[in-house]
Amino acid sequence: MNKSASKSINCPTCQRLVQWSEENEFRPFCSQRCQLIDFGEWATEKHSIAGEPFYPVDKDDEEPLQ
């Protein structure tokens, strides 16, 4: 693949067109601001992955850890 040809994508947060390249340290985001907004949405559980919750079990007493 030609190194000078880079792919353009939309920032997941603000939808701004962003070059997908090694020079963009915040990819797939356009900026640190958009990256932190997305992180905050995951941290406050506005985003989640569908499925049953998984609670690891402590092998000593077989109780779910929460």
PDB file of N, CA and C in Angstrom:
ATOM      1  N   MET A   1       0.848  -1.187   0.000  1.00  0.00           N
ATOM      2  CA  MET A   1       0.000   0.000   0.000  1.00  0.00           C
ATOM      3  C   MET A   1       0.885   1.239   0.000  1.00  0.00           C
ATOM      4  N   ASN A   2       0.495   2.221  -0.710  1.00  0.00           N
ATOM      5  CA  ASN A   2       1.236   3.459  -0.808  1.00  0.00           C
ATOM      6  C   ASN A   2       1.135   4.233   0.507  1.00  0.00           C
ATOM      7  N   LYS A   3       2.291   4.597   1.083  1.00  0.00           N
ATOM      8  CA  LYS A   3       2.284   5.297   2.375  1.00  0.00           C
ATOM      9  C   LYS A   3       1.656   6.683   2.284  1.00  0.00           C
ATOM     10  N   SER A   4       1.724   7.328   1.112  1.00  0.00           N
ATOM     11  CA  SER A   4       1.172   8.670   0.997  1.00  0.00           C
ATOM     12  C   SER A   4      -0.359   8.659   0.921  1.00  0.00           C
ATOM     13  N   ALA A   5      -0.937   7.529   0.533  1.00  0.00           N
ATOM     14  CA  ALA A   5      -2.400   7.435   0.481  1.00  0.00           C
ATOM     15  C   ALA A   5      -2.920   7.074   1.857  1.00  0.00           C
ATOM     16  N   SER A   6      -3.692   7.964   2.438  1.00  0.00           N
ATOM     17  CA  SER A   6      -4.256   7.674   3.752  1.00  0.00           C
ATOM     18  C   SER A   6      -5.774   7.677   3.649  1.00  0.00           C
ATOM     19  N   LYS A   7      -6.370   6.943   4.509  1.00  0.00           N
ATOM     20  CA  LYS A   7      -7.816   6.798   4.519  1.00  0.00           C
ATOM     21  C   LYS A   7      -8.442   7.921   5.345  1.00  0.00           C
ATOM     22  N   SER A   8      -9.588   8.393   4.924  1.00  0.00           N
ATOM     23  CA  SER A   8     -10.332   9.406   5.674  1.00  0.00           C
ATOM     24  C   SER A   8     -11.531   8.729   6.334  1.00  0.00           C
ATOM     25  N   ILE A   9     -11.749   9.065   7.584  1.00  0.00           N
ATOM     26  CA  ILE A   9     -12.887   8.535   8.338  1.00  0.00           C
ATOM     27  C   ILE A   9     -13.566   9.686   9.068  1.00  0.00           C
ATOM     28  N   ASN A  10     -14.751   9.441   9.582  1.00  0.00           N
ATOM     29  CA  ASN A  10     -15.441  10.436  10.399  1.00  0.00           C
ATOM     30  C   ASN A  10     -15.118  10.195  11.861  1.00  0.00           C
ATOM     31  N   CYS A  11     -14.852  11.267  12.585  1.00  0.00           N
ATOM     32  CA  CYS A  11     -14.632  11.186  14.027  1.00  0.00           C
ATOM     33  C   CYS A  11     -15.908  10.614  14.661  1.00  0.00           C
ATOM     34  N   PRO A  12     -15.794   9.585  15.513  1.00  0.00           N
ATOM     35  CA  PRO A  12     -16.976   8.993  16.131  1.00  0.00           C
ATOM     36  C   PRO A  12     -17.770   9.965  17.016  1.00  0.00           C
ATOM     37  N   THR A  13     -17.133  11.013  17.492  1.00  0.00           N
ATOM     38  CA  THR A  13     -17.798  11.951  18.397  1.00  0.00           C
ATOM     39  C   THR A  13     -18.457  13.108  17.660  1.00  0.00           C
ATOM     40  N   CYS A  14     -17.699  13.807  16.811  1.00  0.00           N
ATOM     41  CA  CYS A  14     -18.231  15.016  16.162  1.00  0.00           C
ATOM     42  C   CYS A  14     -18.481  14.855  14.671  1.00  0.00           C
ATOM     43  N   GLN A  15     -18.122  13.725  14.112  1.00  0.00           N
ATOM     44  CA  GLN A  15     -18.312  13.410  12.694  1.00  0.00           C
ATOM     45  C   GLN A  15     -17.430  14.222  11.746  1.00  0.00           C
ATOM     46  N   ARG A  16     -16.440  14.940  12.250  1.00  0.00           N
ATOM     47  CA  ARG A  16     -15.507  15.681  11.396  1.00  0.00           C
ATOM     48  C   ARG A  16     -14.665  14.676  10.616  1.00  0.00           C
ATOM     49  N   LEU A  17     -14.348  14.992   9.361  1.00  0.00           N
ATOM     50  CA  LEU A  17     -13.516  14.123   8.542  1.00  0.00           C
ATOM     51  C   LEU A  17     -12.079  14.158   9.054  1.00  0.00           C
ATOM     52  N   VAL A  18     -11.497  12.964   9.298  1.00  0.00           N
ATOM     53  CA  VAL A  18     -10.168  12.845   9.892  1.00  0.00           C
ATOM     54  C   VAL A  18      -9.327  11.910   9.041  1.00  0.00           C
ATOM     55  N   GLN A  19      -8.053  12.253   8.851  1.00  0.00           N
ATOM     56  CA  GLN A  19      -7.134  11.367   8.154  1.00  0.00           C
ATOM     57  C   GLN A  19      -6.703  10.252   9.102  1.00  0.00           C
ATOM     58  N   TRP A  20      -6.814   9.004   8.650  1.00  0.00           N
ATOM     59  CA  TRP A  20      -6.357   7.852   9.434  1.00  0.00           C
ATOM     60  C   TRP A  20      -4.887   7.668   9.108  1.00  0.00           C
ATOM     61  N   SER A  21      -4.023   8.199   9.961  1.00  0.00           N
ATOM     62  CA  SER A  21      -2.584   8.099   9.726  1.00  0.00           C
ATOM     63  C   SER A  21      -1.860   8.072  11.063  1.00  0.00           C
ATOM     64  N   GLU A  22      -0.624   7.665  11.024  1.00  0.00           N
ATOM     65  CA  GLU A  22       0.182   7.593  12.251  1.00  0.00           C
ATOM     66  C   GLU A  22       0.411   8.962  12.864  1.00  0.00           C
ATOM     67  N   GLU A  23       0.322  10.018  12.060  1.00  0.00           N
ATOM     68  CA  GLU A  23       0.514  11.376  12.576  1.00  0.00           C
ATOM     69  C   GLU A  23      -0.627  11.804  13.491  1.00  0.00           C
ATOM     70  N   ASN A  24      -1.800  11.205  13.327  1.00  0.00           N
ATOM     71  CA  ASN A  24      -2.954  11.547  14.167  1.00  0.00           C
ATOM     72  C   ASN A  24      -2.911  10.681  15.424  1.00  0.00           C
ATOM     73  N   GLU A  25      -2.378  11.229  16.501  1.00  0.00           N
ATOM     74  CA  GLU A  25      -2.228  10.458  17.732  1.00  0.00           C
ATOM     75  C   GLU A  25      -3.556  10.135  18.410  1.00  0.00           C
ATOM     76  N   PHE A  26      -4.640  10.786  18.020  1.00  0.00           N
ATOM     77  CA  PHE A  26      -5.935  10.569  18.657  1.00  0.00           C
ATOM     78  C   PHE A  26      -6.869   9.702  17.811  1.00  0.00           C
ATOM     79  N   ARG A  27      -6.368   9.137  16.713  1.00  0.00           N
ATOM     80  CA  ARG A  27      -7.243   8.362  15.827  1.00  0.00           C
ATOM     81  C   ARG A  27      -7.963   7.271  16.579  1.00  0.00           C
ATOM     82  N   PRO A  28      -9.183   6.994  16.337  1.00  0.00           N
ATOM     83  CA  PRO A  28     -10.024   7.470  15.244  1.00  0.00           C
ATOM     84  C   PRO A  28     -10.678   8.826  15.510  1.00  0.00           C
ATOM     85  N   PHE A  29     -10.302   9.492  16.579  1.00  0.00           N
ATOM     86  CA  PHE A  29     -10.898  10.779  16.922  1.00  0.00           C
ATOM     87  C   PHE A  29     -10.112  11.907  16.269  1.00  0.00           C
ATOM     88  N   CYS A  30     -10.741  13.078  16.148  1.00  0.00           N
ATOM     89  CA  CYS A  30     -10.067  14.216  15.532  1.00  0.00           C
ATOM     90  C   CYS A  30      -9.197  14.977  16.538  1.00  0.00           C
ATOM     91  N   SER A  31      -9.491  14.817  17.833  1.00  0.00           N
ATOM     92  CA  SER A  31      -8.760  15.580  18.844  1.00  0.00           C
ATOM     93  C   SER A  31      -8.834  14.871  20.196  1.00  0.00           C
ATOM     94  N   GLN A  32      -8.033  15.358  21.122  1.00  0.00           N
ATOM     95  CA  GLN A  32      -8.071  14.809  22.475  1.00  0.00           C
ATOM     96  C   GLN A  32      -9.433  15.091  23.116  1.00  0.00           C
ATOM     97  N   ARG A  33     -10.019  16.226  22.804  1.00  0.00           N
ATOM     98  CA  ARG A  33     -11.340  16.573  23.350  1.00  0.00           C
ATOM     99  C   ARG A  33     -12.371  15.513  22.982  1.00  0.00           C
ATOM    100  N   CYS A  34     -12.441  15.161  21.700  1.00  0.00           N
ATOM    101  CA  CYS A  34     -13.406  14.141  21.267  1.00  0.00           C
ATOM    102  C   CYS A  34     -13.083  12.781  21.881  1.00  0.00           C
ATOM    103  N   GLN A  35     -11.813  12.478  22.028  1.00  0.00           N
ATOM    104  CA  GLN A  35     -11.405  11.221  22.652  1.00  0.00           C
ATOM    105  C   GLN A  35     -11.880  11.164  24.111  1.00  0.00           C
ATOM    106  N   LEU A  36     -11.732  12.263  24.840  1.00  0.00           N
ATOM    107  CA  LEU A  36     -12.150  12.314  26.242  1.00  0.00           C
ATOM    108  C   LEU A  36     -13.670  12.306  26.394  1.00  0.00           C
ATOM    109  N   ILE A  37     -14.371  12.933  25.460  1.00  0.00           N
ATOM    110  CA  ILE A  37     -15.835  12.883  25.489  1.00  0.00           C
ATOM    111  C   ILE A  37     -16.298  11.436  25.359  1.00  0.00           C
ATOM    112  N   ASP A  38     -15.714  10.701  24.407  1.00  0.00           N
ATOM    113  CA  ASP A  38     -16.074   9.300  24.203  1.00  0.00           C
ATOM    114  C   ASP A  38     -15.741   8.466  25.437  1.00  0.00           C
ATOM    115  N   PHE A  39     -14.561   8.685  26.015  1.00  0.00           N
ATOM    116  CA  PHE A  39     -14.169   7.961  27.225  1.00  0.00           C
ATOM    117  C   PHE A  39     -15.163   8.213  28.350  1.00  0.00           C
ATOM    118  N   GLY A  40     -15.590   9.462  28.505  1.00  0.00           N
ATOM    119  CA  GLY A  40     -16.560   9.808  29.542  1.00  0.00           C
ATOM    120  C   GLY A  40     -17.896   9.116  29.335  1.00  0.00           C
ATOM    121  N   GLU A  41     -18.304   8.966  28.072  1.00  0.00           N
ATOM    122  CA  GLU A  41     -19.564   8.278  27.801  1.00  0.00           C
ATOM    123  C   GLU A  41     -19.482   6.796  28.154  1.00  0.00           C
ATOM    124  N   TRP A  42     -18.333   6.182  27.924  1.00  0.00           N
ATOM    125  CA  TRP A  42     -18.151   4.780  28.340  1.00  0.00           C
ATOM    126  C   TRP A  42     -18.095   4.687  29.869  1.00  0.00           C
ATOM    127  N   ALA A  43     -17.396   5.633  30.506  1.00  0.00           N
ATOM    128  CA  ALA A  43     -17.229   5.591  31.962  1.00  0.00           C
ATOM    129  C   ALA A  43     -18.555   5.785  32.697  1.00  0.00           C
ATOM    130  N   THR A  44     -19.449   6.577  32.132  1.00  0.00           N
ATOM    131  CA  THR A  44     -20.752   6.805  32.764  1.00  0.00           C
ATOM    132  C   THR A  44     -21.811   5.828  32.264  1.00  0.00           C
ATOM    133  N   GLU A  45     -21.372   4.862  31.494  1.00  0.00           N
ATOM    134  CA  GLU A  45     -22.212   3.785  30.962  1.00  0.00           C
ATOM    135  C   GLU A  45     -23.297   4.269  30.009  1.00  0.00           C
ATOM    136  N   LYS A  46     -23.062   5.398  29.323  1.00  0.00           N
ATOM    137  CA  LYS A  46     -23.955   5.803  28.242  1.00  0.00           C
ATOM    138  C   LYS A  46     -23.757   4.865  27.052  1.00  0.00           C
ATOM    139  N   HIS A  47     -22.549   4.313  26.933  1.00  0.00           N
ATOM    140  CA  HIS A  47     -22.242   3.281  25.942  1.00  0.00           C
ATOM    141  C   HIS A  47     -22.052   1.980  26.700  1.00  0.00           C
ATOM    142  N   SER A  48     -22.477   0.883  26.105  1.00  0.00           N
ATOM    143  CA  SER A  48     -22.232  -0.428  26.706  1.00  0.00           C
ATOM    144  C   SER A  48     -22.254  -1.487  25.623  1.00  0.00           C
ATOM    145  N   ILE A  49     -21.709  -2.627  25.929  1.00  0.00           N
ATOM    146  CA  ILE A  49     -21.704  -3.757  25.016  1.00  0.00           C
ATOM    147  C   ILE A  49     -22.839  -4.677  25.422  1.00  0.00           C
ATOM    148  N   ALA A  50     -23.680  -5.019  24.456  1.00  0.00           N
ATOM    149  CA  ALA A  50     -24.857  -5.855  24.737  1.00  0.00           C
ATOM    150  C   ALA A  50     -24.437  -7.232  25.227  1.00  0.00           C
ATOM    151  N   GLY A  51     -25.208  -7.783  26.116  1.00  0.00           N
ATOM    152  CA  GLY A  51     -24.957  -9.127  26.614  1.00  0.00           C
ATOM    153  C   GLY A  51     -25.209  -9.207  28.103  1.00  0.00           C
ATOM    154  N   GLU A  52     -25.090 -10.406  28.613  1.00  0.00           N
ATOM    155  CA  GLU A  52     -25.271 -10.632  30.043  1.00  0.00           C
ATOM    156  C   GLU A  52     -24.075 -10.069  30.817  1.00  0.00           C
ATOM    157  N   PRO A  53     -24.303  -9.462  31.977  1.00  0.00           N
ATOM    158  CA  PRO A  53     -23.184  -8.984  32.780  1.00  0.00           C
ATOM    159  C   PRO A  53     -22.306 -10.153  33.228  1.00  0.00           C
ATOM    160  N   PHE A  54     -21.020  -9.903  33.311  1.00  0.00           N
ATOM    161  CA  PHE A  54     -20.074 -10.924  33.742  1.00  0.00           C
ATOM    162  C   PHE A  54     -19.447 -10.469  35.042  1.00  0.00           C
ATOM    163  N   TYR A  55     -19.580 -11.292  36.055  1.00  0.00           N
ATOM    164  CA  TYR A  55     -18.970 -11.003  37.345  1.00  0.00           C
ATOM    165  C   TYR A  55     -17.973 -12.110  37.649  1.00  0.00           C
ATOM    166  N   PRO A  56     -16.681 -11.783  37.719  1.00  0.00           N
ATOM    167  CA  PRO A  56     -15.690 -12.815  38.022  1.00  0.00           C
ATOM    168  C   PRO A  56     -15.940 -13.436  39.398  1.00  0.00           C
ATOM    169  N   VAL A  57     -15.561 -14.691  39.547  1.00  0.00           N
ATOM    170  CA  VAL A  57     -15.754 -15.414  40.798  1.00  0.00           C
ATOM    171  C   VAL A  57     -14.407 -15.566  41.488  1.00  0.00           C
ATOM    172  N   ASP A  58     -14.390 -15.257  42.786  1.00  0.00           N
ATOM    173  CA  ASP A  58     -13.196 -15.474  43.594  1.00  0.00           C
ATOM    174  C   ASP A  58     -13.079 -16.977  43.830  1.00  0.00           C
ATOM    175  N   LYS A  59     -11.991 -17.570  43.433  1.00  0.00           N
ATOM    176  CA  LYS A  59     -11.846 -19.027  43.500  1.00  0.00           C
ATOM    177  C   LYS A  59     -11.828 -19.561  44.936  1.00  0.00           C
ATOM    178  N   ASP A  60     -11.501 -18.731  45.916  1.00  0.00           N
ATOM    179  CA  ASP A  60     -11.440 -19.192  47.296  1.00  0.00           C
ATOM    180  C   ASP A  60     -12.827 -19.418  47.895  1.00  0.00           C
ATOM    181  N   ASP A  61     -13.756 -18.480  47.663  1.00  0.00           N
ATOM    182  CA  ASP A  61     -15.057 -18.630  48.312  1.00  0.00           C
ATOM    183  C   ASP A  61     -16.219 -18.712  47.317  1.00  0.00           C
ATOM    184  N   GLU A  62     -15.929 -18.781  46.018  1.00  0.00           N
ATOM    185  CA  GLU A  62     -16.938 -18.968  44.967  1.00  0.00           C
ATOM    186  C   GLU A  62     -18.052 -17.930  44.987  1.00  0.00           C
ATOM    187  N   GLU A  63     -17.805 -16.729  45.476  1.00  0.00           N
ATOM    188  CA  GLU A  63     -18.789 -15.654  45.437  1.00  0.00           C
ATOM    189  C   GLU A  63     -18.416 -14.677  44.342  1.00  0.00           C
ATOM    190  N   PRO A  64     -19.422 -14.140  43.616  1.00  0.00           N
ATOM    191  CA  PRO A  64     -19.125 -13.168  42.574  1.00  0.00           C
ATOM    192  C   PRO A  64     -18.468 -11.910  43.166  1.00  0.00           C
ATOM    193  N   LEU A  65     -17.469 -11.396  42.475  1.00  0.00           N
ATOM    194  CA  LEU A  65     -16.813 -10.165  42.887  1.00  0.00           C
ATOM    195  C   LEU A  65     -17.508  -8.999  42.196  1.00  0.00           C
ATOM    196  N   GLN A  66     -17.920  -7.989  42.964  1.00  0.00           N
ATOM    197  CA  GLN A  66     -18.553  -6.808  42.374  1.00  0.00           C
ATOM    198  C   GLN A  66     -17.996  -5.569  42.974  1.00  0.00           C
TER     199      GLN A  66
END
